[in-house]
Amino acid sequence: MTESSSQAARRTTYRHGALKPALIEAGLRLARAGGPDAIVLREAARQAGVAPNAAYTYFADRNALVDAVATAALAQMATMMAAELDDLTPSADPAMAALQRFRGVGIGYLRFARTEPGLFRTAFTTGRNATAVGVPDAAGPTGRSGIELLGDALDEMVAAGNLPAERRPGAEYLVWSAVHGMAFLAIDGPLRTLPDDQLDAMGQRMLDMIGRGI
């Protein structure tokens, strides 16, 4: 009996060592639809076109796949944050330009949470790679993770005179806590019922407040 062309393609891909990224891609699809609880190793293997036992070549158990998918979700978040920065029209004033980039990082973070809630929840489900400093697989096209992009923006604020140098150490974790809190309120809390334009305005106002007060 002749196997279908799709089966042949899947087996060829597997023989060439592309099964691990295929399993992660399948995990991302599952997470996008249902968050971290939807990631099932057997289902990811089915979507990749291999027997469940083949998945264990790369992932010891479900938790290992969830970790890999969480890291990939962090990379997608960093990609959206970087895209937000790319869309900015920078001010000629260095201080204002630094604030624009700071806000852009935060807006990209909030946008990812609201447009990809399943991936956002998954990104922080384990906590092991959440800071993603020096984790290449969690970086976007710039080679910087989300927390590193925030750190870069804060460094620019110091250079531009927006942020006193003595208040810079650890500032990214204070900002992250505030923005992350709003993100979860918007997708899983009482803010989830608000219209998009109101959430956009609230996000901008919160980032303006942080930028002035940090």
Protein backbone atom coordinates (compact mmCIF):
# COMPACT_ATOMS: atom_id res chain seq x y z
CA MET A 1 0.00 0.00 0.00
CA THR A 2 1.42 3.36 -1.07
CA GLU A 3 1.58 6.02 1.61
CA SER A 4 0.15 9.46 0.89
CA SER A 5 2.41 12.28 -0.23
CA SER A 6 1.74 14.13 3.04
CA GLN A 7 2.83 11.10 5.06
CA ALA A 8 5.95 10.77 2.93
CA ALA A 9 6.76 14.45 3.41
CA ARG A 10 6.31 14.17 7.15
CA ARG A 11 8.58 11.14 7.37
CA THR A 12 11.21 12.82 5.16
CA THR A 13 11.12 15.88 7.43
CA TYR A 14 11.52 13.66 10.47
CA ARG A 15 14.47 11.78 8.92
CA HIS A 16 16.19 15.12 8.28
CA GLY A 17 16.04 16.06 11.96
CA ALA A 18 13.27 18.65 11.84
CA LEU A 19 10.99 16.85 14.26
CA LYS A 20 11.86 18.97 17.30
CA PRO A 21 10.81 22.31 15.71
CA ALA A 22 7.76 20.58 14.23
CA LEU A 23 6.72 19.45 17.71
CA ILE A 24 7.27 22.95 19.10
CA GLU A 25 5.20 24.44 16.27
CA ALA A 26 2.43 21.96 17.06
CA GLY A 27 2.72 22.93 20.72
CA LEU A 28 2.39 26.59 19.79
CA ARG A 29 -0.79 25.86 17.88
CA LEU A 30 -2.20 23.99 20.86
CA ALA A 31 -1.18 26.78 23.25
CA ARG A 32 -2.64 29.47 21.00
CA ALA A 33 -5.98 27.69 21.08
CA GLY A 34 -6.08 26.68 24.73
CA GLY A 35 -3.13 27.96 26.73
CA PRO A 36 -0.55 25.76 28.49
CA ASP A 37 -3.08 23.15 29.63
CA ALA A 38 -3.84 22.35 25.99
CA ILE A 39 -0.27 21.24 25.26
CA VAL A 40 -0.29 17.44 25.10
CA LEU A 41 2.75 15.53 23.88
CA ARG A 42 0.69 12.86 22.14
CA GLU A 43 -1.37 15.44 20.25
CA ALA A 44 1.73 17.42 19.27
CA ALA A 45 3.24 14.20 17.89
CA ARG A 46 0.03 13.46 15.98
CA GLN A 47 0.06 16.92 14.41
CA ALA A 48 3.73 16.48 13.50
CA GLY A 49 2.84 13.22 11.78
CA VAL A 50 4.84 10.84 13.96
CA ALA A 51 4.15 8.20 16.57
CA PRO A 52 4.04 9.48 20.17
CA ASN A 53 7.18 7.52 21.07
CA ALA A 54 9.17 9.50 18.49
CA ALA A 55 8.54 12.71 20.44
CA TYR A 56 10.43 11.32 23.42
CA THR A 57 13.62 11.54 21.38
CA TYR A 58 13.55 15.28 22.03
CA PHE A 59 11.27 15.75 25.04
CA ALA A 60 11.49 13.59 28.13
CA ASP A 61 7.91 14.37 29.07
CA ARG A 62 5.09 16.84 28.62
CA ASN A 63 6.72 19.38 30.92
CA ALA A 64 9.79 19.51 28.70
CA LEU A 65 7.60 20.30 25.68
CA VAL A 66 5.72 22.96 27.65
CA ASP A 67 9.05 24.58 28.57
CA ALA A 68 10.12 24.64 24.93
CA VAL A 69 6.79 26.08 23.80
CA ALA A 70 6.93 28.71 26.56
CA THR A 71 10.36 29.79 25.33
CA ALA A 72 9.09 29.97 21.75
CA ALA A 73 6.12 32.04 22.93
CA LEU A 74 8.53 34.47 24.63
CA ALA A 75 10.32 34.81 21.29
CA GLN A 76 7.04 35.64 19.55
CA MET A 77 6.34 38.24 22.23
CA ALA A 78 9.78 39.79 21.70
CA THR A 79 9.06 39.86 17.97
CA MET A 80 5.86 41.83 18.50
CA MET A 81 7.61 44.23 20.87
CA ALA A 82 10.38 44.80 18.32
CA ALA A 83 7.78 45.40 15.61
CA GLU A 84 6.17 48.07 17.77
CA LEU A 85 9.54 49.81 18.05
CA ASP A 86 10.09 49.56 14.29
CA ASP A 87 6.77 51.33 13.67
CA LEU A 88 7.74 54.38 15.73
CA THR A 89 8.45 57.73 14.14
CA PRO A 90 11.20 58.90 16.49
CA SER A 91 11.15 62.41 17.86
CA ALA A 92 14.09 64.69 17.13
CA ASP A 93 14.27 65.34 20.87
CA PRO A 94 16.42 62.55 22.44
CA ALA A 95 14.47 62.63 25.70
CA MET A 96 11.13 62.30 23.92
CA ALA A 97 12.53 59.61 21.60
CA ALA A 98 13.67 57.58 24.61
CA LEU A 99 10.21 57.86 26.15
CA GLN A 100 8.63 56.79 22.86
CA ARG A 101 10.75 53.65 22.80
CA PHE A 102 9.97 52.92 26.43
CA ARG A 103 6.26 53.20 25.72
CA GLY A 104 6.64 51.16 22.54
CA VAL A 105 8.14 48.26 24.46
CA GLY A 106 5.24 48.32 26.92
CA ILE A 107 2.58 48.66 24.24
CA GLY A 108 4.06 45.71 22.34
CA TYR A 109 3.92 43.62 25.51
CA LEU A 110 0.30 44.53 26.18
CA ARG A 111 -0.66 43.95 22.55
CA PHE A 112 0.83 40.48 22.57
CA ALA A 113 -1.11 39.59 25.72
CA ARG A 114 -4.38 40.75 24.20
CA THR A 115 -3.92 39.33 20.69
CA GLU A 116 -2.26 36.05 21.74
CA PRO A 117 -3.64 35.30 25.22
CA GLY A 118 -3.00 31.57 24.94
CA LEU A 119 0.66 32.11 24.08
CA PHE A 120 1.00 34.84 26.71
CA ARG A 121 -0.30 32.54 29.44
CA THR A 122 1.99 29.78 28.22
CA ALA A 123 5.06 32.04 28.13
CA PHE A 124 4.88 32.45 31.89
CA THR A 125 3.52 29.08 32.92
CA THR A 126 6.83 27.64 34.17
CA GLY A 127 8.82 30.70 35.17
CA ARG A 128 12.13 29.03 34.35
CA ASN A 129 12.81 31.11 31.24
CA ALA A 130 10.59 34.06 32.08
CA THR A 131 13.42 36.58 32.39
CA ALA A 132 14.96 35.12 29.20
CA VAL A 133 18.25 36.98 29.64
CA GLY A 134 20.83 35.25 27.49
CA VAL A 135 18.33 32.67 26.17
CA PRO A 136 18.64 32.83 22.35
CA ASP A 137 15.50 30.79 21.73
CA ALA A 138 13.45 33.42 23.63
CA ALA A 139 14.74 36.30 21.51
CA GLY A 140 13.02 38.00 18.60
CA PRO A 141 14.60 39.09 15.30
CA THR A 142 16.78 41.66 17.07
CA GLY A 143 18.43 38.94 19.15
CA ARG A 144 16.97 40.50 22.29
CA SER A 145 14.32 39.00 24.54
CA GLY A 146 11.40 41.04 25.85
CA ILE A 147 13.06 41.87 29.17
CA GLU A 148 16.27 42.80 27.34
CA LEU A 149 14.34 45.16 25.06
CA LEU A 150 12.89 46.81 28.15
CA GLY A 151 16.35 47.07 29.69
CA ASP A 152 17.65 48.69 26.50
CA ALA A 153 14.82 51.24 26.59
CA LEU A 154 15.59 52.10 30.20
CA ASP A 155 19.28 52.50 29.38
CA GLU A 156 18.30 54.93 26.62
CA MET A 157 16.23 56.88 29.14
CA VAL A 158 19.28 57.19 31.39
CA ALA A 159 21.41 58.36 28.46
CA ALA A 160 18.75 60.91 27.47
CA GLY A 161 18.35 62.23 31.02
CA ASN A 162 14.85 60.85 31.61
CA LEU A 163 15.93 58.44 34.33
CA PRO A 164 18.56 59.18 37.01
CA ALA A 165 21.39 56.66 36.78
CA GLU A 166 21.11 55.78 40.47
CA ARG A 167 17.50 54.65 39.92
CA ARG A 168 18.30 52.45 36.93
CA PRO A 169 19.40 49.21 38.69
CA GLY A 170 16.49 46.77 38.78
CA ALA A 171 14.06 49.25 37.21
CA GLU A 172 13.03 46.75 34.52
CA TYR A 173 11.52 44.48 37.17
CA LEU A 174 9.42 47.30 38.60
CA VAL A 175 8.15 48.28 35.15
CA TRP A 176 7.58 44.66 34.19
CA SER A 177 5.51 44.03 37.31
CA ALA A 178 3.18 46.92 36.52
CA VAL A 179 2.77 46.15 32.80
CA HIS A 180 2.42 42.42 33.39
CA GLY A 181 -0.28 43.10 35.97
CA MET A 182 -2.30 45.16 33.53
CA ALA A 183 -1.83 42.51 30.84
CA PHE A 184 -3.33 39.81 33.04
CA LEU A 185 -6.16 42.07 34.19
CA ALA A 186 -6.95 42.66 30.52
CA ILE A 187 -7.09 38.99 29.53
CA ASP A 188 -8.12 37.17 32.73
CA GLY A 189 -9.38 39.85 35.08
CA PRO A 190 -12.09 42.51 35.30
CA LEU A 191 -10.55 44.62 32.51
CA ARG A 192 -11.28 41.89 29.95
CA THR A 193 -14.78 43.27 29.39
CA LEU A 194 -13.55 46.71 28.34
CA PRO A 195 -13.50 47.72 24.66
CA ASP A 196 -10.16 47.75 22.86
CA ASP A 197 -9.96 51.51 22.52
CA GLN A 198 -10.40 51.96 26.27
CA LEU A 199 -7.74 49.35 27.01
CA ASP A 200 -5.39 51.05 24.56
CA ALA A 201 -5.89 54.39 26.29
CA MET A 202 -5.39 52.86 29.73
CA GLY A 203 -2.19 51.19 28.61
CA GLN A 204 -0.80 54.43 27.23
CA ARG A 205 -1.73 56.32 30.38
CA MET A 206 -0.16 53.70 32.63
CA LEU A 207 3.10 53.79 30.67
CA ASP A 208 3.12 57.58 30.76
CA MET A 209 2.70 57.42 34.55
CA ILE A 210 5.54 54.92 34.88
CA GLY A 211 7.76 56.96 32.60
CA ARG A 212 7.24 60.07 34.71
CA GLY A 213 7.55 58.34 38.06
CA ILE A 214 10.31 55.83 37.60
